Amino acid sequence: MTAAVDATALAHDERAELAALLAGLTPEQWRAPTLCTKWRVRDVVAHMFSYEELGMGALIGRFIAGGLNADRVNAAGVARFADHTPDDLLARVKQHLEPSGLPAKFGGRIALTDGLIHQQDIRRSLGLPREIPADRMLCALPFACTARPIGASKRVEGLTLTATDLDWTTGTGPNVEGSAEALIMAVAGRREALAELSGPGQPILADRIGA
C-alpha cells in the first residue's frame, strides 16, 4: 500500500527553500521582473502570502471586491503589501512556513503547487535554477493539471504529458514530454518553458498557451 502524501509538510519545505532564496537576494533582484506578467519578485512574494490568515468571510469579501475576477482579486492581495519592505516580506514568509487559510486547502496542495510554480517564476527570471525534490514534484504535477485557477485543464485536454526525469505520465492523445519542471511551468501557462518540451503534442500546447 502506498503511504499517503503529506502535502503540508512538502509545502513547508518548499516555503523554507523559498525563504532561503529570498534571504540572499539583492535589492535590485527584489525589484526584478518575473515570469508573472507585470509582477516583480516582491509582488510575487506578496501574492503568494496574501491569502494566509484569511477566514472564509474575509476571503469571500476579497473576491466580491474584485468582481470575482481572479486577476483583480490577486492584484488586491499584492496591493495590500505595497508598503512592505523586502525584509518585511521575508519575515512574513518565515512566519508562514506552515500554510494557513486558503493555501492550506486540499491538504496543503494549493500551497505546495502555487509555491513551487511561483518560486520557479522567480528563479527562472533571475537565472537561479535548482533541482526540485521528486516528492514535491510528484505531488504538485497532478494537482496542477486540474487546478482551475491557473486554467490548466483546457491547456492539457486531449494531450499526454510525460516527465522524462520522473516516473510520471498522464492523459491521452499526442505526447508532450520534457522535465517535470518544464511540464508544470507550461501547464501553468508559462511560454518560457515550451522550448524545453518536445513531442507531437508540443505545438498544440504551445498554441493553447499563446491563445
Protein backbone atom coordinates (compact mmCIF):
# COMPACT_ATOMS: atom_id res chain seq x y z
CA MET A 1 0.00 0.00 0.00
CA THR A 2 1.35 3.44 -0.93
CA ALA A 3 1.78 5.81 2.01
CA ALA A 4 -0.34 8.95 2.00
CA VAL A 5 1.46 12.05 0.78
CA ASP A 6 1.88 14.77 3.42
CA ALA A 7 1.47 17.74 1.10
CA THR A 8 1.51 20.17 4.01
CA ALA A 9 4.99 19.01 5.00
CA LEU A 10 6.13 19.29 1.39
CA ALA A 11 4.69 22.82 1.20
CA HIS A 12 6.56 23.71 4.40
CA ASP A 13 9.83 22.53 2.85
CA GLU A 14 9.11 24.41 -0.37
CA ARG A 15 8.44 27.62 1.55
CA ALA A 16 11.58 27.15 3.63
CA GLU A 17 13.62 26.84 0.44
CA LEU A 18 11.95 29.99 -0.89
CA ALA A 19 12.87 31.85 2.31
CA ALA A 20 16.50 30.79 1.91
CA LEU A 21 16.48 32.05 -1.69
CA LEU A 22 14.90 35.39 -0.79
CA ALA A 23 17.34 35.95 2.08
CA GLY A 24 20.20 36.06 -0.42
CA LEU A 25 18.64 38.43 -2.96
CA THR A 26 19.90 41.95 -3.53
CA PRO A 27 17.54 44.97 -3.51
CA GLU A 28 17.80 45.03 -7.30
CA GLN A 29 16.75 41.39 -7.53
CA TRP A 30 13.73 42.04 -5.31
CA ARG A 31 12.66 44.66 -7.87
CA ALA A 32 13.42 42.49 -10.91
CA PRO A 33 10.65 41.26 -13.25
CA THR A 34 9.47 37.65 -13.12
CA LEU A 35 7.65 35.28 -15.47
CA CYS A 36 4.41 36.62 -13.99
CA THR A 37 3.42 39.49 -16.26
CA LYS A 38 3.70 42.89 -14.54
CA TRP A 39 4.86 41.38 -11.24
CA ARG A 40 8.29 41.93 -9.75
CA VAL A 41 9.88 39.44 -7.35
CA ARG A 42 8.45 41.35 -4.38
CA ASP A 43 4.98 41.29 -5.93
CA VAL A 44 5.08 37.53 -6.46
CA VAL A 45 6.08 37.02 -2.83
CA ALA A 46 3.31 39.34 -1.66
CA HIS A 47 0.79 37.44 -3.79
CA MET A 48 1.89 34.04 -2.51
CA PHE A 49 1.32 35.00 1.13
CA SER A 50 -1.61 37.39 0.74
CA TYR A 51 -4.18 34.66 1.45
CA GLU A 52 -2.68 33.45 4.72
CA GLU A 53 -4.84 34.02 7.80
CA LEU A 54 -7.92 35.00 5.77
CA GLY A 55 -11.08 33.48 7.19
CA MET A 56 -13.91 32.47 4.92
CA GLY A 57 -15.69 35.80 5.37
CA ALA A 58 -12.61 37.84 4.50
CA LEU A 59 -11.85 35.58 1.56
CA ILE A 60 -15.36 35.96 0.15
CA GLY A 61 -15.15 39.69 0.71
CA ARG A 62 -11.94 39.95 -1.29
CA PHE A 63 -13.43 38.01 -4.18
CA ILE A 64 -16.56 40.15 -4.19
CA ALA A 65 -14.47 43.34 -4.07
CA GLY A 66 -12.51 42.02 -7.06
CA GLY A 67 -15.69 41.37 -9.02
CA LEU A 68 -14.94 37.61 -8.95
CA ASN A 69 -12.14 38.33 -11.42
CA ALA A 70 -9.04 36.36 -10.45
CA ASP A 71 -6.60 38.97 -11.76
CA ARG A 72 -8.26 41.78 -9.80
CA VAL A 73 -8.56 39.64 -6.69
CA ASN A 74 -4.86 38.76 -6.83
CA ALA A 75 -3.93 42.38 -7.54
CA ALA A 76 -5.79 43.43 -4.40
CA GLY A 77 -3.74 40.98 -2.37
CA VAL A 78 -0.48 42.33 -3.80
CA ALA A 79 -1.57 45.93 -3.18
CA ARG A 80 -2.19 45.11 0.48
CA PHE A 81 1.57 44.66 0.94
CA ALA A 82 2.74 47.52 -1.28
CA ASP A 83 4.32 49.34 1.66
CA HIS A 84 6.22 46.29 2.90
CA THR A 85 10.00 46.22 2.54
CA PRO A 86 11.82 43.10 1.34
CA ASP A 87 12.71 42.40 4.98
CA ASP A 88 9.03 42.67 5.92
CA LEU A 89 8.04 40.26 3.15
CA LEU A 90 10.79 37.80 4.07
CA ALA A 91 9.63 37.91 7.68
CA ARG A 92 6.11 37.08 6.53
CA VAL A 93 7.38 34.09 4.56
CA LYS A 94 9.24 32.80 7.61
CA GLN A 95 6.15 33.31 9.79
CA HIS A 96 4.04 31.22 7.42
CA LEU A 97 6.18 28.22 6.55
CA GLU A 98 3.17 26.19 7.68
CA PRO A 99 0.31 27.00 5.23
CA SER A 100 -2.87 28.52 6.62
CA GLY A 101 -6.09 29.85 5.17
CA LEU A 102 -6.82 29.17 1.51
CA PRO A 103 -3.32 27.82 0.70
CA ALA A 104 -3.80 25.07 3.27
CA LYS A 105 -6.81 23.63 1.45
CA PHE A 106 -6.63 20.27 -0.36
CA GLY A 107 -4.27 19.01 2.29
CA GLY A 108 -1.71 21.72 1.55
CA ARG A 109 -1.60 21.05 -2.18
CA ILE A 110 -2.57 24.63 -3.04
CA ALA A 111 0.37 25.99 -1.06
CA LEU A 112 2.77 23.44 -2.50
CA THR A 113 1.74 23.83 -6.14
CA ASP A 114 1.36 27.61 -6.06
CA GLY A 115 4.62 27.97 -4.16
CA LEU A 116 6.56 25.65 -6.45
CA ILE A 117 5.40 27.38 -9.63
CA HIS A 118 5.96 30.88 -8.28
CA GLN A 119 9.40 30.05 -6.93
CA GLN A 120 10.28 28.96 -10.46
CA ASP A 121 8.80 32.22 -11.81
CA ILE A 122 11.38 33.97 -9.67
CA ARG A 123 14.28 31.60 -10.22
CA ARG A 124 13.91 31.39 -13.99
CA SER A 125 13.79 35.16 -14.34
CA LEU A 126 16.88 35.61 -12.15
CA GLY A 127 18.83 32.72 -13.69
CA LEU A 128 18.94 30.78 -10.42
CA PRO A 129 17.98 27.18 -11.25
CA ARG A 130 17.57 24.42 -8.70
CA GLU A 131 16.82 20.72 -8.52
CA ILE A 132 13.30 20.28 -7.18
CA PRO A 133 12.88 17.21 -4.95
CA ALA A 134 10.95 14.47 -6.74
CA ASP A 135 8.39 14.02 -3.95
CA ARG A 136 7.31 17.66 -4.23
CA MET A 137 7.02 17.47 -7.99
CA LEU A 138 5.12 14.17 -7.99
CA CYS A 139 2.58 15.71 -5.61
CA ALA A 140 2.27 19.08 -7.38
CA LEU A 141 2.15 17.94 -11.02
CA PRO A 142 -1.17 16.02 -10.91
CA PHE A 143 -2.79 18.77 -8.85
CA ALA A 144 -1.57 21.47 -11.25
CA CYS A 145 -3.11 19.67 -14.22
CA THR A 146 -6.59 20.05 -12.72
CA ALA A 147 -6.19 23.41 -10.96
CA ARG A 148 -8.94 25.69 -12.22
CA PRO A 149 -7.36 28.98 -11.03
CA ILE A 150 -4.43 28.53 -13.43
CA GLY A 151 -6.58 27.31 -16.32
CA ALA A 152 -4.59 24.10 -16.68
CA SER A 153 -7.31 21.69 -17.79
CA LYS A 154 -8.05 23.49 -21.04
CA ARG A 155 -4.35 23.53 -21.92
CA VAL A 156 -3.74 19.81 -21.37
CA GLU A 157 -7.06 18.37 -22.55
CA GLY A 158 -6.52 15.62 -25.13
CA LEU A 159 -2.76 15.52 -24.53
CA THR A 160 -0.42 13.05 -22.87
CA LEU A 161 2.18 14.59 -20.58
CA THR A 162 5.33 12.59 -19.87
CA ALA A 163 8.11 13.61 -17.49
CA THR A 164 11.46 12.45 -18.78
CA ASP A 165 13.17 12.76 -15.40
CA LEU A 166 10.45 11.15 -13.25
CA ASP A 167 8.26 8.08 -13.49
CA TRP A 168 5.15 10.13 -14.27
CA THR A 169 2.73 10.40 -17.16
CA THR A 170 -0.91 11.42 -17.50
CA GLY A 171 -3.57 11.92 -20.15
CA THR A 172 -4.31 10.51 -23.57
CA GLY A 173 -3.54 11.87 -27.00
CA PRO A 174 -0.44 13.38 -28.63
CA ASN A 175 2.53 13.27 -26.28
CA VAL A 176 4.32 16.25 -24.74
CA GLU A 177 7.50 15.34 -22.95
CA GLY A 178 10.22 17.08 -21.02
CA SER A 179 11.44 17.62 -17.50
CA ALA A 180 8.79 17.67 -14.80
CA GLU A 181 9.70 21.28 -14.01
CA ALA A 182 9.22 22.38 -17.62
CA LEU A 183 5.92 20.48 -17.79
CA ILE A 184 4.44 22.09 -14.69
CA MET A 185 5.51 25.55 -15.83
CA ALA A 186 3.91 25.01 -19.25
CA VAL A 187 0.78 23.60 -17.62
CA ALA A 188 0.66 26.86 -15.65
CA GLY A 189 0.83 28.82 -18.90
CA ARG A 190 4.48 29.88 -18.89
CA ARG A 191 5.60 30.21 -22.52
CA GLU A 192 9.24 30.27 -21.46
CA ALA A 193 9.13 26.52 -20.75
CA LEU A 194 7.84 25.48 -24.18
CA ALA A 195 11.27 25.35 -25.83
CA GLU A 196 12.25 22.67 -23.29
CA LEU A 197 9.40 20.37 -24.33
CA SER A 198 9.06 18.12 -27.36
CA GLY A 199 6.75 15.56 -28.93
CA PRO A 200 3.80 15.74 -31.35
CA GLY A 201 1.62 17.43 -28.74
CA GLN A 202 4.06 20.26 -28.07
CA PRO A 203 2.79 22.54 -30.88
CA ILE A 204 -0.78 22.03 -29.64
CA LEU A 205 0.16 23.02 -26.12
CA ALA A 206 2.16 25.98 -27.42
CA ASP A 207 -0.80 27.17 -29.46
CA ARG A 208 -3.09 26.96 -26.43
CA ILE A 209 -0.68 28.90 -24.24
CA GLY A 210 -0.25 31.51 -26.97
CA ALA A 211 -4.00 31.90 -27.20
